[in-house]
Amino acid sequence: MPMKQDELEQLIRQAFPDAAIEIRDLAGDGDHYAAHVVSSAFKGKSRVQQHQMVYSALKGQMGDVLHALALTTGVPQD
């Protein structure tokens, strides 16, 4: 069963409460999303570390319920 967009956002929000999150369903199938996540938790982290943090927040759903996630991350601009 595909993951709903609001479920994906909720998992990310639980890990990064301050985050600005934008999610798009790329194929309309609930299986292929693009997410842009901006959080102060990413400060001082490499892009790879930021992405690993988001994947960790998905609690093992990536590759199972969620097939594909095009991910971009960043820190808030002051």
PDB file of N, CA and C in Angstrom:
ATOM      1  N   MET A   1       0.848  -1.179   0.000  1.00  0.00           N
ATOM      2  CA  MET A   1       0.000   0.000   0.000  1.00  0.00           C
ATOM      3  C   MET A   1       0.895   1.244   0.000  1.00  0.00           C
ATOM      4  N   PRO A   2       0.649   2.190  -0.871  1.00  0.00           N
ATOM      5  CA  PRO A   2       1.460   3.417  -0.949  1.00  0.00           C
ATOM      6  C   PRO A   2       1.330   4.257   0.317  1.00  0.00           C
ATOM      7  N   MET A   3       2.290   5.130   0.511  1.00  0.00           N
ATOM      8  CA  MET A   3       2.280   6.050   1.643  1.00  0.00           C
ATOM      9  C   MET A   3       1.558   7.329   1.242  1.00  0.00           C
ATOM     10  N   LYS A   4       0.694   7.800   2.106  1.00  0.00           N
ATOM     11  CA  LYS A   4      -0.003   9.059   1.843  1.00  0.00           C
ATOM     12  C   LYS A   4       0.949  10.215   2.109  1.00  0.00           C
ATOM     13  N   GLN A   5       0.741  11.289   1.370  1.00  0.00           N
ATOM     14  CA  GLN A   5       1.597  12.462   1.488  1.00  0.00           C
ATOM     15  C   GLN A   5       1.611  13.017   2.905  1.00  0.00           C
ATOM     16  N   ASP A   6       0.459  13.049   3.557  1.00  0.00           N
ATOM     17  CA  ASP A   6       0.416  13.583   4.922  1.00  0.00           C
ATOM     18  C   ASP A   6       1.144  12.669   5.908  1.00  0.00           C
ATOM     19  N   GLU A   7       1.171  11.369   5.649  1.00  0.00           N
ATOM     20  CA  GLU A   7       1.931  10.447   6.498  1.00  0.00           C
ATOM     21  C   GLU A   7       3.426  10.727   6.380  1.00  0.00           C
ATOM     22  N   LEU A   8       3.875  10.948   5.155  1.00  0.00           N
ATOM     23  CA  LEU A   8       5.277  11.265   4.914  1.00  0.00           C
ATOM     24  C   LEU A   8       5.655  12.554   5.640  1.00  0.00           C
ATOM     25  N   GLU A   9       4.835  13.566   5.501  1.00  0.00           N
ATOM     26  CA  GLU A   9       5.108  14.842   6.170  1.00  0.00           C
ATOM     27  C   GLU A   9       5.107  14.676   7.684  1.00  0.00           C
ATOM     28  N   GLN A  10       4.200  13.883   8.214  1.00  0.00           N
ATOM     29  CA  GLN A  10       4.121  13.683   9.659  1.00  0.00           C
ATOM     30  C   GLN A  10       5.393  13.023  10.200  1.00  0.00           C
ATOM     31  N   LEU A  11       5.909  12.022   9.504  1.00  0.00           N
ATOM     32  CA  LEU A  11       7.145  11.359   9.941  1.00  0.00           C
ATOM     33  C   LEU A  11       8.312  12.351   9.975  1.00  0.00           C
ATOM     34  N   ILE A  12       8.404  13.172   8.940  1.00  0.00           N
ATOM     35  CA  ILE A  12       9.479  14.160   8.885  1.00  0.00           C
ATOM     36  C   ILE A  12       9.288  15.209   9.975  1.00  0.00           C
ATOM     37  N   ARG A  13       8.065  15.662  10.168  1.00  0.00           N
ATOM     38  CA  ARG A  13       7.773  16.695  11.169  1.00  0.00           C
ATOM     39  C   ARG A  13       8.071  16.197  12.583  1.00  0.00           C
ATOM     40  N   GLN A  14       7.827  14.915  12.857  1.00  0.00           N
ATOM     41  CA  GLN A  14       8.124  14.368  14.186  1.00  0.00           C
ATOM     42  C   GLN A  14       9.617  14.478  14.498  1.00  0.00           C
ATOM     43  N   ALA A  15      10.445  14.255  13.498  1.00  0.00           N
ATOM     44  CA  ALA A  15      11.891  14.316  13.703  1.00  0.00           C
ATOM     45  C   ALA A  15      12.426  15.744  13.667  1.00  0.00           C
ATOM     46  N   PHE A  16      11.764  16.606  12.905  1.00  0.00           N
ATOM     47  CA  PHE A  16      12.227  17.990  12.715  1.00  0.00           C
ATOM     48  C   PHE A  16      11.051  18.951  12.909  1.00  0.00           C
ATOM     49  N   PRO A  17      10.652  19.203  14.159  1.00  0.00           N
ATOM     50  CA  PRO A  17       9.465  20.024  14.428  1.00  0.00           C
ATOM     51  C   PRO A  17       9.536  21.434  13.852  1.00  0.00           C
ATOM     52  N   ASP A  18      10.753  21.973  13.689  1.00  0.00           N
ATOM     53  CA  ASP A  18      10.898  23.345  13.191  1.00  0.00           C
ATOM     54  C   ASP A  18      10.938  23.412  11.668  1.00  0.00           C
ATOM     55  N   ALA A  19      10.869  22.284  11.009  1.00  0.00           N
ATOM     56  CA  ALA A  19      11.127  22.218   9.569  1.00  0.00           C
ATOM     57  C   ALA A  19      10.048  22.892   8.720  1.00  0.00           C
ATOM     58  N   ALA A  20      10.522  23.487   7.641  1.00  0.00           N
ATOM     59  CA  ALA A  20       9.651  23.905   6.545  1.00  0.00           C
ATOM     60  C   ALA A  20       9.705  22.741   5.559  1.00  0.00           C
ATOM     61  N   ILE A  21       8.560  22.156   5.259  1.00  0.00           N
ATOM     62  CA  ILE A  21       8.503  20.943   4.451  1.00  0.00           C
ATOM     63  C   ILE A  21       7.593  21.164   3.246  1.00  0.00           C
ATOM     64  N   GLU A  22       8.116  20.846   2.078  1.00  0.00           N
ATOM     65  CA  GLU A  22       7.320  20.869   0.848  1.00  0.00           C
ATOM     66  C   GLU A  22       7.402  19.478   0.240  1.00  0.00           C
ATOM     67  N   ILE A  23       6.253  18.884  -0.038  1.00  0.00           N
ATOM     68  CA  ILE A  23       6.216  17.541  -0.615  1.00  0.00           C
ATOM     69  C   ILE A  23       5.335  17.555  -1.853  1.00  0.00           C
ATOM     70  N   ARG A  24       5.839  16.912  -2.908  1.00  0.00           N
ATOM     71  CA  ARG A  24       5.064  16.766  -4.148  1.00  0.00           C
ATOM     72  C   ARG A  24       5.005  15.290  -4.517  1.00  0.00           C
ATOM     73  N   ASP A  25       3.830  14.842  -4.952  1.00  0.00           N
ATOM     74  CA  ASP A  25       3.652  13.482  -5.466  1.00  0.00           C
ATOM     75  C   ASP A  25       4.016  13.537  -6.941  1.00  0.00           C
ATOM     76  N   LEU A  26       5.131  12.943  -7.306  1.00  0.00           N
ATOM     77  CA  LEU A  26       5.667  13.074  -8.663  1.00  0.00           C
ATOM     78  C   LEU A  26       4.896  12.294  -9.718  1.00  0.00           C
ATOM     79  N   ALA A  27       4.318  11.164  -9.328  1.00  0.00           N
ATOM     80  CA  ALA A  27       3.663  10.314 -10.315  1.00  0.00           C
ATOM     81  C   ALA A  27       2.167  10.141 -10.062  1.00  0.00           C
ATOM     82  N   GLY A  28       1.674  10.727  -8.968  1.00  0.00           N
ATOM     83  CA  GLY A  28       0.260  10.595  -8.648  1.00  0.00           C
ATOM     84  C   GLY A  28      -0.108   9.222  -8.111  1.00  0.00           C
ATOM     85  N   ASP A  29       0.908   8.454  -7.715  1.00  0.00           N
ATOM     86  CA  ASP A  29       0.650   7.090  -7.265  1.00  0.00           C
ATOM     87  C   ASP A  29       0.938   6.867  -5.777  1.00  0.00           C
ATOM     88  N   GLY A  30       1.354   7.910  -5.062  1.00  0.00           N
ATOM     89  CA  GLY A  30       1.663   7.775  -3.651  1.00  0.00           C
ATOM     90  C   GLY A  30       2.920   6.966  -3.388  1.00  0.00           C
ATOM     91  N   ASP A  31       3.710   6.763  -4.412  1.00  0.00           N
ATOM     92  CA  ASP A  31       4.910   5.939  -4.310  1.00  0.00           C
ATOM     93  C   ASP A  31       6.181   6.689  -4.688  1.00  0.00           C
ATOM     94  N   HIS A  32       6.029   7.827  -5.362  1.00  0.00           N
ATOM     95  CA  HIS A  32       7.167   8.597  -5.856  1.00  0.00           C
ATOM     96  C   HIS A  32       6.968  10.060  -5.459  1.00  0.00           C
ATOM     97  N   TYR A  33       7.772  10.496  -4.496  1.00  0.00           N
ATOM     98  CA  TYR A  33       7.636  11.851  -3.980  1.00  0.00           C
ATOM     99  C   TYR A  33       8.921  12.645  -4.157  1.00  0.00           C
ATOM    100  N   ALA A  34       8.764  13.951  -4.139  1.00  0.00           N
ATOM    101  CA  ALA A  34       9.883  14.880  -4.007  1.00  0.00           C
ATOM    102  C   ALA A  34       9.630  15.652  -2.720  1.00  0.00           C
ATOM    103  N   ALA A  35      10.659  15.787  -1.903  1.00  0.00           N
ATOM    104  CA  ALA A  35      10.523  16.517  -0.646  1.00  0.00           C
ATOM    105  C   ALA A  35      11.661  17.512  -0.504  1.00  0.00           C
ATOM    106  N   HIS A  36      11.302  18.699  -0.046  1.00  0.00           N
ATOM    107  CA  HIS A  36      12.287  19.733   0.275  1.00  0.00           C
ATOM    108  C   HIS A  36      12.107  20.022   1.765  1.00  0.00           C
ATOM    109  N   VAL A  37      13.158  19.796   2.542  1.00  0.00           N
ATOM    110  CA  VAL A  37      13.088  19.945   3.990  1.00  0.00           C
ATOM    111  C   VAL A  37      14.159  20.930   4.449  1.00  0.00           C
ATOM    112  N   VAL A  38      13.737  21.987   5.136  1.00  0.00           N
ATOM    113  CA  VAL A  38      14.657  22.991   5.669  1.00  0.00           C
ATOM    114  C   VAL A  38      14.502  22.981   7.184  1.00  0.00           C
ATOM    115  N   SER A  39      15.610  22.708   7.884  1.00  0.00           N
ATOM    116  CA  SER A  39      15.561  22.622   9.342  1.00  0.00           C
ATOM    117  C   SER A  39      16.876  23.099   9.942  1.00  0.00           C
ATOM    118  N   SER A  40      16.786  23.725  11.098  1.00  0.00           N
ATOM    119  CA  SER A  40      17.992  24.147  11.818  1.00  0.00           C
ATOM    120  C   SER A  40      18.785  22.937  12.313  1.00  0.00           C
ATOM    121  N   ALA A  41      18.164  21.777  12.391  1.00  0.00           N
ATOM    122  CA  ALA A  41      18.861  20.553  12.817  1.00  0.00           C
ATOM    123  C   ALA A  41      19.955  20.157  11.830  1.00  0.00           C
ATOM    124  N   PHE A  42      19.888  20.662  10.614  1.00  0.00           N
ATOM    125  CA  PHE A  42      20.867  20.325   9.587  1.00  0.00           C
ATOM    126  C   PHE A  42      22.123  21.202   9.645  1.00  0.00           C
ATOM    127  N   LYS A  43      22.093  22.227  10.487  1.00  0.00           N
ATOM    128  CA  LYS A  43      23.222  23.156  10.552  1.00  0.00           C
ATOM    129  C   LYS A  43      24.513  22.411  10.893  1.00  0.00           C
ATOM    130  N   GLY A  44      25.551  22.659  10.114  1.00  0.00           N
ATOM    131  CA  GLY A  44      26.850  22.047  10.333  1.00  0.00           C
ATOM    132  C   GLY A  44      26.980  20.632   9.795  1.00  0.00           C
ATOM    133  N   LYS A  45      25.912  20.117   9.194  1.00  0.00           N
ATOM    134  CA  LYS A  45      25.915  18.758   8.640  1.00  0.00           C
ATOM    135  C   LYS A  45      26.151  18.817   7.136  1.00  0.00           C
ATOM    136  N   SER A  46      26.811  17.796   6.610  1.00  0.00           N
ATOM    137  CA  SER A  46      26.981  17.703   5.158  1.00  0.00           C
ATOM    138  C   SER A  46      25.633  17.345   4.526  1.00  0.00           C
ATOM    139  N   ARG A  47      25.538  17.525   3.233  1.00  0.00           N
ATOM    140  CA  ARG A  47      24.308  17.184   2.523  1.00  0.00           C
ATOM    141  C   ARG A  47      23.965  15.697   2.715  1.00  0.00           C
ATOM    142  N   VAL A  48      24.975  14.855   2.664  1.00  0.00           N
ATOM    143  CA  VAL A  48      24.762  13.412   2.865  1.00  0.00           C
ATOM    144  C   VAL A  48      24.220  13.147   4.273  1.00  0.00           C
ATOM    145  N   GLN A  49      24.798  13.792   5.272  1.00  0.00           N
ATOM    146  CA  GLN A  49      24.321  13.614   6.644  1.00  0.00           C
ATOM    147  C   GLN A  49      22.880  14.108   6.802  1.00  0.00           C
ATOM    148  N   GLN A  50      22.561  15.228   6.153  1.00  0.00           N
ATOM    149  CA  GLN A  50      21.188  15.749   6.200  1.00  0.00           C
ATOM    150  C   GLN A  50      20.215  14.743   5.624  1.00  0.00           C
ATOM    151  N   HIS A  51      20.557  14.170   4.487  1.00  0.00           N
ATOM    152  CA  HIS A  51      19.680  13.193   3.840  1.00  0.00           C
ATOM    153  C   HIS A  51      19.548  11.938   4.700  1.00  0.00           C
ATOM    154  N   GLN A  52      20.644  11.509   5.310  1.00  0.00           N
ATOM    155  CA  GLN A  52      20.590  10.347   6.195  1.00  0.00           C
ATOM    156  C   GLN A  52      19.664  10.606   7.375  1.00  0.00           C
ATOM    157  N   MET A  53      19.670  11.825   7.882  1.00  0.00           N
ATOM    158  CA  MET A  53      18.787  12.184   8.995  1.00  0.00           C
ATOM    159  C   MET A  53      17.319  12.072   8.580  1.00  0.00           C
ATOM    160  N   VAL A  54      16.997  12.534   7.379  1.00  0.00           N
ATOM    161  CA  VAL A  54      15.614  12.450   6.900  1.00  0.00           C
ATOM    162  C   VAL A  54      15.229  10.988   6.671  1.00  0.00           C
ATOM    163  N   TYR A  55      16.111  10.222   6.032  1.00  0.00           N
ATOM    164  CA  TYR A  55      15.804   8.805   5.806  1.00  0.00           C
ATOM    165  C   TYR A  55      15.605   8.076   7.132  1.00  0.00           C
ATOM    166  N   SER A  56      16.380   8.425   8.133  1.00  0.00           N
ATOM    167  CA  SER A  56      16.224   7.830   9.453  1.00  0.00           C
ATOM    168  C   SER A  56      14.849   8.165  10.043  1.00  0.00           C
ATOM    169  N   ALA A  57      14.393   9.383   9.800  1.00  0.00           N
ATOM    170  CA  ALA A  57      13.078   9.807  10.294  1.00  0.00           C
ATOM    171  C   ALA A  57      11.938   9.004   9.668  1.00  0.00           C
ATOM    172  N   LEU A  58      12.191   8.404   8.506  1.00  0.00           N
ATOM    173  CA  LEU A  58      11.149   7.632   7.817  1.00  0.00           C
ATOM    174  C   LEU A  58      10.978   6.239   8.416  1.00  0.00           C
ATOM    175  N   LYS A  59      11.787   5.901   9.393  1.00  0.00           N
ATOM    176  CA  LYS A  59      11.633   4.682  10.194  1.00  0.00           C
ATOM    177  C   LYS A  59      11.499   3.419   9.354  1.00  0.00           C
ATOM    178  N   GLY A  60      12.375   3.247   8.391  1.00  0.00           N
ATOM    179  CA  GLY A  60      12.388   2.024   7.610  1.00  0.00           C
ATOM    180  C   GLY A  60      11.350   1.936   6.503  1.00  0.00           C
ATOM    181  N   GLN A  61      10.602   3.011   6.286  1.00  0.00           N
ATOM    182  CA  GLN A  61       9.568   3.000   5.248  1.00  0.00           C
ATOM    183  C   GLN A  61      10.139   3.142   3.837  1.00  0.00           C
ATOM    184  N   MET A  62      11.339   3.739   3.741  1.00  0.00           N
ATOM    185  CA  MET A  62      11.969   3.945   2.435  1.00  0.00           C
ATOM    186  C   MET A  62      12.334   2.599   1.827  1.00  0.00           C
ATOM    187  N   GLY A  63      11.922   2.394   0.574  1.00  0.00           N
ATOM    188  CA  GLY A  63      12.204   1.139  -0.107  1.00  0.00           C
ATOM    189  C   GLY A  63      11.163   0.080   0.166  1.00  0.00           C
ATOM    190  N   ASP A  64      10.270   0.329   1.093  1.00  0.00           N
ATOM    191  CA  ASP A  64       9.208  -0.614   1.424  1.00  0.00           C
ATOM    192  C   ASP A  64       7.873   0.014   1.026  1.00  0.00           C
ATOM    193  N   VAL A  65       7.290   0.776   1.911  1.00  0.00           N
ATOM    194  CA  VAL A  65       6.031   1.471   1.616  1.00  0.00           C
ATOM    195  C   VAL A  65       6.274   2.625   0.657  1.00  0.00           C
ATOM    196  N   LEU A  66       7.396   3.300   0.824  1.00  0.00           N
ATOM    197  CA  LEU A  66       7.762   4.439  -0.016  1.00  0.00           C
ATOM    198  C   LEU A  66       8.833   4.002  -1.003  1.00  0.00           C
ATOM    199  N   HIS A  67       8.507   4.019  -2.270  1.00  0.00           N
ATOM    200  CA  HIS A  67       9.417   3.504  -3.296  1.00  0.00           C
ATOM    201  C   HIS A  67      10.539   4.485  -3.653  1.00  0.00           C
ATOM    202  N   ALA A  68      10.200   5.758  -3.849  1.00  0.00           N
ATOM    203  CA  ALA A  68      11.204   6.723  -4.300  1.00  0.00           C
ATOM    204  C   ALA A  68      10.959   8.088  -3.656  1.00  0.00           C
ATOM    205  N   LEU A  69      12.066   8.721  -3.247  1.00  0.00           N
ATOM    206  CA  LEU A  69      11.995  10.050  -2.668  1.00  0.00           C
ATOM    207  C   LEU A  69      13.139  10.890  -3.206  1.00  0.00           C
ATOM    208  N   ALA A  70      12.801  11.885  -4.009  1.00  0.00           N
ATOM    209  CA  ALA A  70      13.794  12.861  -4.481  1.00  0.00           C
ATOM    210  C   ALA A  70      13.884  13.910  -3.378  1.00  0.00           C
ATOM    211  N   LEU A  71      15.019  13.957  -2.710  1.00  0.00           N
ATOM    212  CA  LEU A  71      15.152  14.749  -1.495  1.00  0.00           C
ATOM    213  C   LEU A  71      16.127  15.908  -1.673  1.00  0.00           C
ATOM    214  N   THR A  72      15.704  17.084  -1.230  1.00  0.00           N
ATOM    215  CA  THR A  72      16.611  18.227  -1.103  1.00  0.00           C
ATOM    216  C   THR A  72      16.452  18.751   0.321  1.00  0.00           C
ATOM    217  N   THR A  73      17.562  19.189   0.894  1.00  0.00           N
ATOM    218  CA  THR A  73      17.545  19.665   2.274  1.00  0.00           C
ATOM    219  C   THR A  73      18.332  20.970   2.368  1.00  0.00           C
ATOM    220  N   GLY A  74      18.117  21.673   3.460  1.00  0.00           N
ATOM    221  CA  GLY A  74      18.857  22.903   3.683  1.00  0.00           C
ATOM    222  C   GLY A  74      18.633  23.421   5.089  1.00  0.00           C
ATOM    223  N   VAL A  75      19.376  24.471   5.415  1.00  0.00           N
ATOM    224  CA  VAL A  75      19.212  25.141   6.719  1.00  0.00           C
ATOM    225  C   VAL A  75      18.520  26.475   6.481  1.00  0.00           C
ATOM    226  N   PRO A  76      17.781  26.959   7.473  1.00  0.00           N
ATOM    227  CA  PRO A  76      17.102  28.249   7.310  1.00  0.00           C
ATOM    228  C   PRO A  76      18.103  29.371   7.083  1.00  0.00           C
ATOM    229  N   GLN A  77      17.736  30.302   6.255  1.00  0.00           N
ATOM    230  CA  GLN A  77      18.547  31.489   6.021  1.00  0.00           C
ATOM    231  C   GLN A  77      18.179  32.538   7.061  1.00  0.00           C
ATOM    232  N   ASP A  78      19.178  33.083   7.705  1.00  0.00           N
ATOM    233  CA  ASP A  78      18.920  34.092   8.761  1.00  0.00           C
ATOM    234  C   ASP A  78      18.533  35.413   8.179  1.00  0.00           C
TER     235      ASP A  78
END
